[in-house]
Amino acid sequence: MSTGIYSHPDCALHEMGDWHPETPARLQAIEDQLILARLDGLVERCGGPPADEAAILRNHSRAALDMVRDNLPNAGDHYPLDGDTLLCRHSYQAALRAAGLAIAATDDVIAGRVDNAFCAIRPPGHHARPGEPMGFCLFNNIAIAVRHALEVHGLERVAIVDFDVHHGNGTDESFRDDPRVLMASFFQHPFYPYTEPGPVTATSVNIPVPAYSGGDVVRKIVQEQWLPALHAHRPQMVFISAGFDAHKEDDLGGMALVEADYAWITHQLVEVARRHAQGRIVSCLEGGYNLSALGRSVATHVKALAELD
């Protein structure tokens, strides 16, 4: 498989203070592990322009966009949007670039320039609601890319798979009533953002799991609930909210996955995409805050996307 890695230095410009776990060092940790895994000659390095406002507004209200754009502080200062989501001087630039890279990856995968893609981007996105930023997230990168696939490229059915430890409440809210979009996830419960589990439907397979759940629990969910729903939906493209904070070494989560679990999940999704979507996958970084575990897990995920293991 031809796998593209999408990133840009702008994504490291957003910072929320030395105390904050969602740090630019996350991208460097990923880069270090990709180098250690000797993937440079086996994947394509790709870029893309920042998203324009029209792309953001396909998924977000004008008020949500203005909240980020119009509250940028002076250099060295931070503006709190909520208790754990802050803006720095460059946050809007970074957020537009992150969304733009997700869009560029979508364009390239649909055009066949790469078979699939991983976007090493930040700030993350899956908590960002249509009407407001939230939970480390400014704009919902995966939702913006999905809107682009549906409304610009005219896809009729897509799937979003989210394996972050936290429920992707912003993504869920964005597509809750859209029959074109299946969302499948597991998430630790009860846990931030304290989503109450909803019913499983043909397009919503969001499964709460208790703290300390490991790979055996997650693999059973994938086999018994995700895969039947994915095959029934027959997505023309698969999008992944790739959070790695369910790793057993990540103190911001309380689950117990390891790299082999992420590889196994990714292989299942590659098979779904091969069967229904011409292999088309775009994966975007969400959480993951233990730097060593994050870097190792992303390298494993990319190797699985590229079918190198």
C-alpha atoms as a PDB file:
ATOM      1  CA  MET A   1       0.000   0.000   0.000  1.00  0.00           C
ATOM      2  CA  SER A   2       1.084   3.595  -0.658  1.00  0.00           C
ATOM      3  CA  THR A   3       0.700   5.494   2.605  1.00  0.00           C
ATOM      4  CA  GLY A   4       1.083   9.255   2.939  1.00  0.00           C
ATOM      5  CA  ILE A   5       2.182  10.990   6.147  1.00  0.00           C
ATOM      6  CA  TYR A   6       0.692  14.490   6.292  1.00  0.00           C
ATOM      7  CA  SER A   7       2.136  17.099   8.640  1.00  0.00           C
ATOM      8  CA  HIS A   8       3.474  20.656   8.707  1.00  0.00           C
ATOM      9  CA  PRO A   9       5.517  22.815  11.125  1.00  0.00           C
ATOM     10  CA  ASP A  10       2.464  25.041  11.673  1.00  0.00           C
ATOM     11  CA  CYS A  11       0.906  22.242  13.721  1.00  0.00           C
ATOM     12  CA  ALA A  12       3.646  22.679  16.338  1.00  0.00           C
ATOM     13  CA  LEU A  13       2.934  26.404  16.774  1.00  0.00           C
ATOM     14  CA  HIS A  14      -0.137  25.890  18.926  1.00  0.00           C
ATOM     15  CA  GLU A  15       0.761  25.566  22.618  1.00  0.00           C
ATOM     16  CA  MET A  16      -1.259  25.882  25.808  1.00  0.00           C
ATOM     17  CA  GLY A  17       1.482  26.282  28.401  1.00  0.00           C
ATOM     18  CA  ASP A  18       4.275  24.133  29.798  1.00  0.00           C
ATOM     19  CA  TRP A  19       1.854  22.373  32.160  1.00  0.00           C
ATOM     20  CA  HIS A  20      -0.451  21.184  29.403  1.00  0.00           C
ATOM     21  CA  PRO A  21      -0.240  17.559  28.180  1.00  0.00           C
ATOM     22  CA  GLU A  22      -1.397  18.454  24.655  1.00  0.00           C
ATOM     23  CA  THR A  23       2.000  19.764  23.635  1.00  0.00           C
ATOM     24  CA  PRO A  24       4.002  20.290  20.433  1.00  0.00           C
ATOM     25  CA  ALA A  25       6.378  17.606  21.747  1.00  0.00           C
ATOM     26  CA  ARG A  26       3.766  15.038  20.729  1.00  0.00           C
ATOM     27  CA  LEU A  27       4.585  15.589  17.060  1.00  0.00           C
ATOM     28  CA  GLN A  28       8.324  15.303  17.676  1.00  0.00           C
ATOM     29  CA  ALA A  29       7.783  12.048  19.570  1.00  0.00           C
ATOM     30  CA  ILE A  30       5.879  10.683  16.575  1.00  0.00           C
ATOM     31  CA  GLU A  31       8.569  11.831  14.168  1.00  0.00           C
ATOM     32  CA  ASP A  32      11.310  10.234  16.255  1.00  0.00           C
ATOM     33  CA  GLN A  33       9.537   6.873  16.283  1.00  0.00           C
ATOM     34  CA  LEU A  34       8.798   6.974  12.552  1.00  0.00           C
ATOM     35  CA  ILE A  35      12.527   7.466  11.992  1.00  0.00           C
ATOM     36  CA  LEU A  36      13.424   4.681  14.420  1.00  0.00           C
ATOM     37  CA  ALA A  37      10.985   2.386  12.615  1.00  0.00           C
ATOM     38  CA  ARG A  38      12.848   3.166   9.362  1.00  0.00           C
ATOM     39  CA  LEU A  39       9.651   4.129   7.604  1.00  0.00           C
ATOM     40  CA  ASP A  40      10.994   7.162   5.737  1.00  0.00           C
ATOM     41  CA  GLY A  41      11.727   5.278   2.539  1.00  0.00           C
ATOM     42  CA  LEU A  42       8.514   3.268   2.743  1.00  0.00           C
ATOM     43  CA  VAL A  43       5.914   6.037   3.134  1.00  0.00           C
ATOM     44  CA  GLU A  44       5.384   9.318   1.330  1.00  0.00           C
ATOM     45  CA  ARG A  45       5.822  12.646   3.115  1.00  0.00           C
ATOM     46  CA  CYS A  46       2.994  14.982   2.128  1.00  0.00           C
ATOM     47  CA  GLY A  47       1.703  18.446   2.919  1.00  0.00           C
ATOM     48  CA  GLY A  48      -1.196  20.687   2.139  1.00  0.00           C
ATOM     49  CA  PRO A  49      -2.470  24.258   2.481  1.00  0.00           C
ATOM     50  CA  PRO A  50      -4.411  25.617   5.435  1.00  0.00           C
ATOM     51  CA  ALA A  51      -8.150  25.142   5.311  1.00  0.00           C
ATOM     52  CA  ASP A  52     -10.153  28.169   4.271  1.00  0.00           C
ATOM     53  CA  GLU A  53     -13.079  29.453   6.280  1.00  0.00           C
ATOM     54  CA  ALA A  54     -15.590  27.859   3.924  1.00  0.00           C
ATOM     55  CA  ALA A  55     -14.180  24.422   4.738  1.00  0.00           C
ATOM     56  CA  ILE A  56     -14.423  25.063   8.481  1.00  0.00           C
ATOM     57  CA  LEU A  57     -17.971  26.377   8.135  1.00  0.00           C
ATOM     58  CA  ARG A  58     -19.152  23.166   6.480  1.00  0.00           C
ATOM     59  CA  ASN A  59     -19.052  21.667   9.967  1.00  0.00           C
ATOM     60  CA  HIS A  60     -18.877  24.571  12.413  1.00  0.00           C
ATOM     61  CA  SER A  61     -20.959  27.635  13.093  1.00  0.00           C
ATOM     62  CA  ARG A  62     -19.638  31.104  12.391  1.00  0.00           C
ATOM     63  CA  ALA A  63     -19.626  31.687  16.158  1.00  0.00           C
ATOM     64  CA  ALA A  64     -17.335  28.688  16.711  1.00  0.00           C
ATOM     65  CA  LEU A  65     -14.900  29.911  14.069  1.00  0.00           C
ATOM     66  CA  ASP A  66     -14.947  33.469  15.387  1.00  0.00           C
ATOM     67  CA  MET A  67     -14.357  32.231  18.927  1.00  0.00           C
ATOM     68  CA  VAL A  68     -10.936  30.958  17.830  1.00  0.00           C
ATOM     69  CA  ARG A  69     -10.039  33.595  15.267  1.00  0.00           C
ATOM     70  CA  ASP A  70     -11.024  36.641  17.328  1.00  0.00           C
ATOM     71  CA  ASN A  71      -9.534  35.734  20.715  1.00  0.00           C
ATOM     72  CA  LEU A  72      -5.872  35.210  19.891  1.00  0.00           C
ATOM     73  CA  PRO A  73      -3.749  36.703  22.693  1.00  0.00           C
ATOM     74  CA  ASN A  74      -0.510  38.602  22.490  1.00  0.00           C
ATOM     75  CA  ALA A  75       2.746  36.676  22.215  1.00  0.00           C
ATOM     76  CA  GLY A  76       3.494  34.752  25.399  1.00  0.00           C
ATOM     77  CA  ASP A  77      -0.073  34.914  26.687  1.00  0.00           C
ATOM     78  CA  HIS A  78      -2.940  32.426  26.619  1.00  0.00           C
ATOM     79  CA  TYR A  79      -6.686  32.917  26.253  1.00  0.00           C
ATOM     80  CA  PRO A  80      -8.827  30.247  27.966  1.00  0.00           C
ATOM     81  CA  LEU A  81     -11.795  28.967  25.972  1.00  0.00           C
ATOM     82  CA  ASP A  82     -12.528  26.532  28.798  1.00  0.00           C
ATOM     83  CA  GLY A  83     -10.637  25.069  31.725  1.00  0.00           C
ATOM     84  CA  ASP A  84      -8.325  22.942  29.586  1.00  0.00           C
ATOM     85  CA  THR A  85      -8.564  24.509  26.096  1.00  0.00           C
ATOM     86  CA  LEU A  86      -6.467  27.606  25.563  1.00  0.00           C
ATOM     87  CA  LEU A  87      -5.391  29.764  22.652  1.00  0.00           C
ATOM     88  CA  CYS A  88      -1.942  31.142  21.974  1.00  0.00           C
ATOM     89  CA  ARG A  89      -1.006  33.695  19.351  1.00  0.00           C
ATOM     90  CA  HIS A  90      -0.624  31.025  16.644  1.00  0.00           C
ATOM     91  CA  SER A  91      -3.546  28.740  17.490  1.00  0.00           C
ATOM     92  CA  TYR A  92      -5.789  29.799  14.606  1.00  0.00           C
ATOM     93  CA  GLN A  93      -2.945  29.287  12.123  1.00  0.00           C
ATOM     94  CA  ALA A  94      -2.245  25.822  13.527  1.00  0.00           C
ATOM     95  CA  ALA A  95      -5.922  24.851  13.576  1.00  0.00           C
ATOM     96  CA  LEU A  96      -6.452  25.891   9.960  1.00  0.00           C
ATOM     97  CA  ARG A  97      -3.352  23.942   8.927  1.00  0.00           C
ATOM     98  CA  ALA A  98      -4.467  20.821  10.791  1.00  0.00           C
ATOM     99  CA  ALA A  99      -7.875  20.876   9.109  1.00  0.00           C
ATOM    100  CA  GLY A 100      -6.258  21.680   5.771  1.00  0.00           C
ATOM    101  CA  LEU A 101      -3.965  18.668   5.993  1.00  0.00           C
ATOM    102  CA  ALA A 102      -6.941  16.399   6.707  1.00  0.00           C
ATOM    103  CA  ILE A 103      -8.638  17.840   3.611  1.00  0.00           C
ATOM    104  CA  ALA A 104      -5.486  17.443   1.504  1.00  0.00           C
ATOM    105  CA  ALA A 105      -5.173  13.819   2.580  1.00  0.00           C
ATOM    106  CA  THR A 106      -8.821  13.256   1.646  1.00  0.00           C
ATOM    107  CA  ASP A 107      -8.273  14.792  -1.785  1.00  0.00           C
ATOM    108  CA  ASP A 108      -5.143  12.740  -2.415  1.00  0.00           C
ATOM    109  CA  VAL A 109      -6.680   9.441  -1.317  1.00  0.00           C
ATOM    110  CA  ILE A 110      -9.791   9.988  -3.438  1.00  0.00           C
ATOM    111  CA  ALA A 111      -7.623  10.969  -6.420  1.00  0.00           C
ATOM    112  CA  GLY A 112      -5.488   7.843  -5.955  1.00  0.00           C
ATOM    113  CA  ARG A 113      -2.257   9.747  -5.354  1.00  0.00           C
ATOM    114  CA  VAL A 114      -1.857   7.687  -2.176  1.00  0.00           C
ATOM    115  CA  ASP A 115      -3.835   4.634  -1.068  1.00  0.00           C
ATOM    116  CA  ASN A 116      -4.291   5.816   2.499  1.00  0.00           C
ATOM    117  CA  ALA A 117      -2.990   8.512   4.807  1.00  0.00           C
ATOM    118  CA  PHE A 118      -2.061   9.327   8.385  1.00  0.00           C
ATOM    119  CA  CYS A 119      -2.237  12.987   9.429  1.00  0.00           C
ATOM    120  CA  ALA A 120       0.197  13.879  12.214  1.00  0.00           C
ATOM    121  CA  ILE A 121      -1.692  17.028  13.128  1.00  0.00           C
ATOM    122  CA  ARG A 122      -2.640  19.101  16.125  1.00  0.00           C
ATOM    123  CA  PRO A 123      -4.588  20.621  17.733  1.00  0.00           C
ATOM    124  CA  PRO A 124      -6.767  17.511  17.835  1.00  0.00           C
ATOM    125  CA  GLY A 125     -10.417  17.690  16.885  1.00  0.00           C
ATOM    126  CA  HIS A 126     -12.925  15.088  17.961  1.00  0.00           C
ATOM    127  CA  HIS A 127     -14.309  16.979  20.986  1.00  0.00           C
ATOM    128  CA  ALA A 128     -14.888  20.185  19.000  1.00  0.00           C
ATOM    129  CA  ARG A 129     -18.641  20.570  18.687  1.00  0.00           C
ATOM    130  CA  PRO A 130     -20.291  22.269  15.708  1.00  0.00           C
ATOM    131  CA  GLY A 131     -20.955  25.295  17.887  1.00  0.00           C
ATOM    132  CA  GLU A 132     -17.894  25.513  20.138  1.00  0.00           C
ATOM    133  CA  PRO A 133     -14.325  24.329  20.790  1.00  0.00           C
ATOM    134  CA  MET A 134     -13.888  21.899  23.663  1.00  0.00           C
ATOM    135  CA  GLY A 135     -11.509  19.454  25.324  1.00  0.00           C
ATOM    136  CA  PHE A 136      -8.119  20.462  23.809  1.00  0.00           C
ATOM    137  CA  CYS A 137      -9.867  20.710  20.382  1.00  0.00           C
ATOM    138  CA  LEU A 138     -10.483  23.854  18.315  1.00  0.00           C
ATOM    139  CA  PHE A 139     -11.914  22.603  15.002  1.00  0.00           C
ATOM    140  CA  ASN A 140     -13.031  19.036  14.322  1.00  0.00           C
ATOM    141  CA  ASN A 141     -10.471  17.894  11.754  1.00  0.00           C
ATOM    142  CA  ILE A 142     -12.052  14.527  11.003  1.00  0.00           C
ATOM    143  CA  ALA A 143     -15.563  15.983  10.685  1.00  0.00           C
ATOM    144  CA  ILE A 144     -14.306  18.728   8.370  1.00  0.00           C
ATOM    145  CA  ALA A 145     -12.574  16.121   6.179  1.00  0.00           C
ATOM    146  CA  VAL A 146     -15.729  13.985   6.108  1.00  0.00           C
ATOM    147  CA  ARG A 147     -17.842  16.996   5.115  1.00  0.00           C
ATOM    148  CA  HIS A 148     -15.345  17.650   2.322  1.00  0.00           C
ATOM    149  CA  ALA A 149     -15.629  14.061   1.097  1.00  0.00           C
ATOM    150  CA  LEU A 150     -19.426  14.200   1.137  1.00  0.00           C
ATOM    151  CA  GLU A 151     -20.104  17.697  -0.114  1.00  0.00           C
ATOM    152  CA  VAL A 152     -17.156  18.388  -2.430  1.00  0.00           C
ATOM    153  CA  HIS A 153     -16.428  14.900  -3.747  1.00  0.00           C
ATOM    154  CA  GLY A 154     -19.992  13.614  -3.582  1.00  0.00           C
ATOM    155  CA  LEU A 155     -19.397  10.413  -1.635  1.00  0.00           C
ATOM    156  CA  GLU A 156     -22.636   8.806  -0.507  1.00  0.00           C
ATOM    157  CA  ARG A 157     -21.500   6.680   2.443  1.00  0.00           C
ATOM    158  CA  VAL A 158     -18.511   7.043   4.756  1.00  0.00           C
ATOM    159  CA  ALA A 159     -17.497   5.580   8.100  1.00  0.00           C
ATOM    160  CA  ILE A 160     -15.721   7.229  11.019  1.00  0.00           C
ATOM    161  CA  VAL A 161     -13.930   4.951  13.475  1.00  0.00           C
ATOM    162  CA  ASP A 162     -12.690   6.506  16.715  1.00  0.00           C
ATOM    163  CA  PHE A 163     -10.405   4.525  19.046  1.00  0.00           C
ATOM    164  CA  ASP A 164      -9.471   7.360  21.400  1.00  0.00           C
ATOM    165  CA  VAL A 165     -10.037   6.664  25.106  1.00  0.00           C
ATOM    166  CA  HIS A 166     -12.509   9.577  25.193  1.00  0.00           C
ATOM    167  CA  HIS A 167     -15.798   9.648  23.346  1.00  0.00           C
ATOM    168  CA  GLY A 168     -15.651  11.790  20.206  1.00  0.00           C
ATOM    169  CA  ASN A 169     -18.673  13.789  21.250  1.00  0.00           C
ATOM    170  CA  GLY A 170     -18.112  16.579  18.729  1.00  0.00           C
ATOM    171  CA  THR A 171     -17.936  14.129  15.843  1.00  0.00           C
ATOM    172  CA  ASP A 172     -20.973  12.257  17.110  1.00  0.00           C
ATOM    173  CA  GLU A 173     -22.946  15.493  17.341  1.00  0.00           C
ATOM    174  CA  SER A 174     -21.856  16.546  13.853  1.00  0.00           C
ATOM    175  CA  PHE A 175     -23.289  13.458  12.148  1.00  0.00           C
ATOM    176  CA  ARG A 176     -25.868  12.074  14.569  1.00  0.00           C
ATOM    177  CA  ASP A 177     -28.767  12.496  12.122  1.00  0.00           C
ATOM    178  CA  ASP A 178     -26.863  11.915   8.874  1.00  0.00           C
ATOM    179  CA  PRO A 179     -27.597   8.484   7.366  1.00  0.00           C
ATOM    180  CA  ARG A 180     -24.555   8.801   5.103  1.00  0.00           C
ATOM    181  CA  VAL A 181     -22.151   8.575   8.055  1.00  0.00           C
ATOM    182  CA  LEU A 182     -21.566   5.590  10.317  1.00  0.00           C
ATOM    183  CA  MET A 183     -19.637   6.337  13.498  1.00  0.00           C
ATOM    184  CA  ALA A 184     -18.107   3.426  15.405  1.00  0.00           C
ATOM    185  CA  SER A 185     -16.132   3.860  18.608  1.00  0.00           C
ATOM    186  CA  PHE A 186     -15.351   2.558  22.030  1.00  0.00           C
ATOM    187  CA  PHE A 187     -14.718   4.910  24.931  1.00  0.00           C
ATOM    188  CA  GLN A 188     -13.964   4.659  28.619  1.00  0.00           C
ATOM    189  CA  HIS A 189     -17.078   5.304  30.701  1.00  0.00           C
ATOM    190  CA  PRO A 190     -17.692   7.138  32.946  1.00  0.00           C
ATOM    191  CA  PHE A 191     -14.991   9.535  31.790  1.00  0.00           C
ATOM    192  CA  TYR A 192     -14.539  12.886  30.068  1.00  0.00           C
ATOM    193  CA  PRO A 193     -16.575  14.245  28.279  1.00  0.00           C
ATOM    194  CA  TYR A 194     -19.105  12.289  30.374  1.00  0.00           C
ATOM    195  CA  THR A 195     -21.248  11.312  27.411  1.00  0.00           C
ATOM    196  CA  GLU A 196     -24.246   9.191  28.262  1.00  0.00           C
ATOM    197  CA  PRO A 197     -24.128   6.124  26.017  1.00  0.00           C
ATOM    198  CA  GLY A 198     -26.749   6.216  23.299  1.00  0.00           C
ATOM    199  CA  PRO A 199     -28.493   3.304  21.616  1.00  0.00           C
ATOM    200  CA  VAL A 200     -26.662   1.301  18.989  1.00  0.00           C
ATOM    201  CA  THR A 201     -28.189   1.962  15.569  1.00  0.00           C
ATOM    202  CA  ALA A 202     -27.263   1.284  11.959  1.00  0.00           C
ATOM    203  CA  THR A 203     -25.116   4.434  11.916  1.00  0.00           C
ATOM    204  CA  SER A 204     -24.092   4.789  15.582  1.00  0.00           C
ATOM    205  CA  VAL A 205     -22.024   2.066  17.232  1.00  0.00           C
ATOM    206  CA  ASN A 206     -20.446   3.915  20.136  1.00  0.00           C
ATOM    207  CA  ILE A 207     -19.664   1.414  22.875  1.00  0.00           C
ATOM    208  CA  PRO A 208     -18.804   2.419  26.467  1.00  0.00           C
ATOM    209  CA  VAL A 209     -16.246   0.284  28.284  1.00  0.00           C
ATOM    210  CA  PRO A 210     -15.130   0.344  31.926  1.00  0.00           C
ATOM    211  CA  ALA A 211     -11.760   1.576  33.102  1.00  0.00           C
ATOM    212  CA  TYR A 212      -8.886  -0.919  32.875  1.00  0.00           C
ATOM    213  CA  SER A 213     -10.370  -2.585  29.782  1.00  0.00           C
ATOM    214  CA  GLY A 214      -7.686  -4.157  27.623  1.00  0.00           C
ATOM    215  CA  GLY A 215      -7.273  -5.593  24.178  1.00  0.00           C
ATOM    216  CA  ASP A 216      -9.511  -8.588  24.775  1.00  0.00           C
ATOM    217  CA  VAL A 217     -12.503  -6.324  25.466  1.00  0.00           C
ATOM    218  CA  VAL A 218     -11.788  -4.033  22.539  1.00  0.00           C
ATOM    219  CA  ARG A 219     -11.180  -6.818  20.033  1.00  0.00           C
ATOM    220  CA  LYS A 220     -14.513  -8.406  20.952  1.00  0.00           C
ATOM    221  CA  ILE A 221     -16.277  -5.073  20.351  1.00  0.00           C
ATOM    222  CA  VAL A 222     -14.586  -4.718  16.976  1.00  0.00           C
ATOM    223  CA  GLN A 223     -15.444  -8.251  15.894  1.00  0.00           C
ATOM    224  CA  GLU A 224     -18.990  -8.412  17.217  1.00  0.00           C
ATOM    225  CA  GLN A 225     -20.229  -4.838  16.776  1.00  0.00           C
ATOM    226  CA  TRP A 226     -17.996  -2.644  14.629  1.00  0.00           C
ATOM    227  CA  LEU A 227     -17.316  -5.011  11.756  1.00  0.00           C
ATOM    228  CA  PRO A 228     -20.927  -6.127  11.150  1.00  0.00           C
ATOM    229  CA  ALA A 229     -22.034  -2.475  11.121  1.00  0.00           C
ATOM    230  CA  LEU A 230     -19.190  -1.434   8.826  1.00  0.00           C
ATOM    231  CA  HIS A 231     -19.898  -4.202   6.340  1.00  0.00           C
ATOM    232  CA  ALA A 232     -23.612  -3.411   6.384  1.00  0.00           C
ATOM    233  CA  HIS A 233     -22.914   0.291   5.755  1.00  0.00           C
ATOM    234  CA  ARG A 234     -20.474  -0.410   2.884  1.00  0.00           C
ATOM    235  CA  PRO A 235     -18.523   2.848   3.282  1.00  0.00           C
ATOM    236  CA  GLN A 236     -16.901   4.354   0.220  1.00  0.00           C
ATOM    237  CA  MET A 237     -14.178   5.779   2.478  1.00  0.00           C
ATOM    238  CA  VAL A 238     -13.030   5.139   6.040  1.00  0.00           C
ATOM    239  CA  PHE A 239     -11.907   7.926   8.361  1.00  0.00           C
ATOM    240  CA  ILE A 240     -10.106   7.185  11.623  1.00  0.00           C
ATOM    241  CA  SER A 241      -9.942   9.404  14.693  1.00  0.00           C
ATOM    242  CA  ALA A 242      -6.679   7.903  15.880  1.00  0.00           C
ATOM    243  CA  GLY A 243      -6.281   8.627  19.567  1.00  0.00           C
ATOM    244  CA  PHE A 244      -3.668   6.587  21.425  1.00  0.00           C
ATOM    245  CA  ASP A 245      -4.531   7.544  25.002  1.00  0.00           C
ATOM    246  CA  ALA A 246      -6.188   4.171  25.635  1.00  0.00           C
ATOM    247  CA  HIS A 247      -2.621   2.810  25.858  1.00  0.00           C
ATOM    248  CA  LYS A 248      -1.807   1.257  29.223  1.00  0.00           C
ATOM    249  CA  GLU A 249       1.094   3.696  29.735  1.00  0.00           C
ATOM    250  CA  ASP A 250      -1.045   6.821  29.224  1.00  0.00           C
ATOM    251  CA  ASP A 251      -1.983   8.428  32.540  1.00  0.00           C
ATOM    252  CA  LEU A 252      -4.668  10.632  30.973  1.00  0.00           C
ATOM    253  CA  GLY A 253      -6.671   7.498  30.231  1.00  0.00           C
ATOM    254  CA  GLY A 254      -7.521   4.427  32.234  1.00  0.00           C
ATOM    255  CA  MET A 255      -7.498   1.638  29.684  1.00  0.00           C
ATOM    256  CA  ALA A 256      -4.867  -0.980  28.899  1.00  0.00           C
ATOM    257  CA  LEU A 257      -4.259  -1.251  25.163  1.00  0.00           C
ATOM    258  CA  VAL A 258      -0.797  -1.930  23.731  1.00  0.00           C
ATOM    259  CA  GLU A 259       0.743  -1.447  20.309  1.00  0.00           C
ATOM    260  CA  ALA A 260      -0.361  -4.890  19.121  1.00  0.00           C
ATOM    261  CA  ASP A 261      -3.985  -3.903  19.736  1.00  0.00           C
ATOM    262  CA  TYR A 262      -3.649  -0.788  17.576  1.00  0.00           C
ATOM    263  CA  ALA A 263      -2.033  -2.853  14.828  1.00  0.00           C
ATOM    264  CA  TRP A 264      -4.847  -5.411  14.979  1.00  0.00           C
ATOM    265  CA  ILE A 265      -7.587  -2.757  14.863  1.00  0.00           C
ATOM    266  CA  THR A 266      -5.868  -1.033  11.939  1.00  0.00           C
ATOM    267  CA  HIS A 267      -5.591  -4.285   9.996  1.00  0.00           C
ATOM    268  CA  GLN A 268      -9.342  -4.869  10.449  1.00  0.00           C
ATOM    269  CA  LEU A 269     -10.077  -1.408   9.081  1.00  0.00           C
ATOM    270  CA  VAL A 270      -7.711  -1.888   6.150  1.00  0.00           C
ATOM    271  CA  GLU A 271      -9.681  -5.014   5.246  1.00  0.00           C
ATOM    272  CA  VAL A 272     -12.999  -3.147   5.482  1.00  0.00           C
ATOM    273  CA  ALA A 273     -11.629  -0.381   3.266  1.00  0.00           C
ATOM    274  CA  ARG A 274     -10.242  -2.877   0.762  1.00  0.00           C
ATOM    275  CA  ARG A 275     -13.591  -4.640   0.524  1.00  0.00           C
ATOM    276  CA  HIS A 276     -15.861  -1.604   0.250  1.00  0.00           C
ATOM    277  CA  ALA A 277     -13.835   1.577  -0.286  1.00  0.00           C
ATOM    278  CA  GLN A 278     -11.054   0.812  -2.783  1.00  0.00           C
ATOM    279  CA  GLY A 279      -8.693   0.810   0.207  1.00  0.00           C
ATOM    280  CA  ARG A 280      -9.349   4.470   0.954  1.00  0.00           C
ATOM    281  CA  ILE A 281      -8.524   5.501   4.538  1.00  0.00           C
ATOM    282  CA  VAL A 282      -7.659   8.856   6.107  1.00  0.00           C
ATOM    283  CA  SER A 283      -6.501   8.677   9.731  1.00  0.00           C
ATOM    284  CA  CYS A 284      -6.063  11.800  11.869  1.00  0.00           C
ATOM    285  CA  LEU A 285      -4.239  12.076  15.176  1.00  0.00           C
ATOM    286  CA  GLU A 286      -6.391  12.748  18.220  1.00  0.00           C
ATOM    287  CA  GLY A 287      -5.168  11.996  21.769  1.00  0.00           C
ATOM    288  CA  GLY A 288      -2.118  10.263  23.193  1.00  0.00           C
ATOM    289  CA  TYR A 289      -0.081  11.980  25.895  1.00  0.00           C
ATOM    290  CA  ASN A 290       2.589   9.570  27.085  1.00  0.00           C
ATOM    291  CA  LEU A 291       5.178  10.557  24.501  1.00  0.00           C
ATOM    292  CA  SER A 292       6.940   7.212  24.248  1.00  0.00           C
ATOM    293  CA  ALA A 293       3.706   5.203  24.002  1.00  0.00           C
ATOM    294  CA  LEU A 294       2.267   7.697  21.525  1.00  0.00           C
ATOM    295  CA  GLY A 295       5.253   7.540  19.193  1.00  0.00           C
ATOM    296  CA  ARG A 296       5.452   3.751  19.290  1.00  0.00           C
ATOM    297  CA  SER A 297       1.718   3.366  18.747  1.00  0.00           C
ATOM    298  CA  VAL A 298       1.629   5.738  15.779  1.00  0.00           C
ATOM    299  CA  ALA A 299       4.549   3.925  14.154  1.00  0.00           C
ATOM    300  CA  THR A 300       2.672   0.649  14.610  1.00  0.00           C
ATOM    301  CA  HIS A 301      -0.511   2.181  13.171  1.00  0.00           C
ATOM    302  CA  VAL A 302       1.328   3.557  10.128  1.00  0.00           C
ATOM    303  CA  LYS A 303       3.079   0.228   9.496  1.00  0.00           C
ATOM    304  CA  ALA A 304      -0.306  -1.483   9.562  1.00  0.00           C
ATOM    305  CA  LEU A 305      -1.792   1.073   7.158  1.00  0.00           C
ATOM    306  CA  ALA A 306       1.138   0.482   4.812  1.00  0.00           C
ATOM    307  CA  GLU A 307       0.900  -3.294   5.363  1.00  0.00           C
ATOM    308  CA  LEU A 308       4.506  -3.470   6.452  1.00  0.00           C
ATOM    309  CA  ASP A 309       3.895  -5.841   9.373  1.00  0.00           C
END
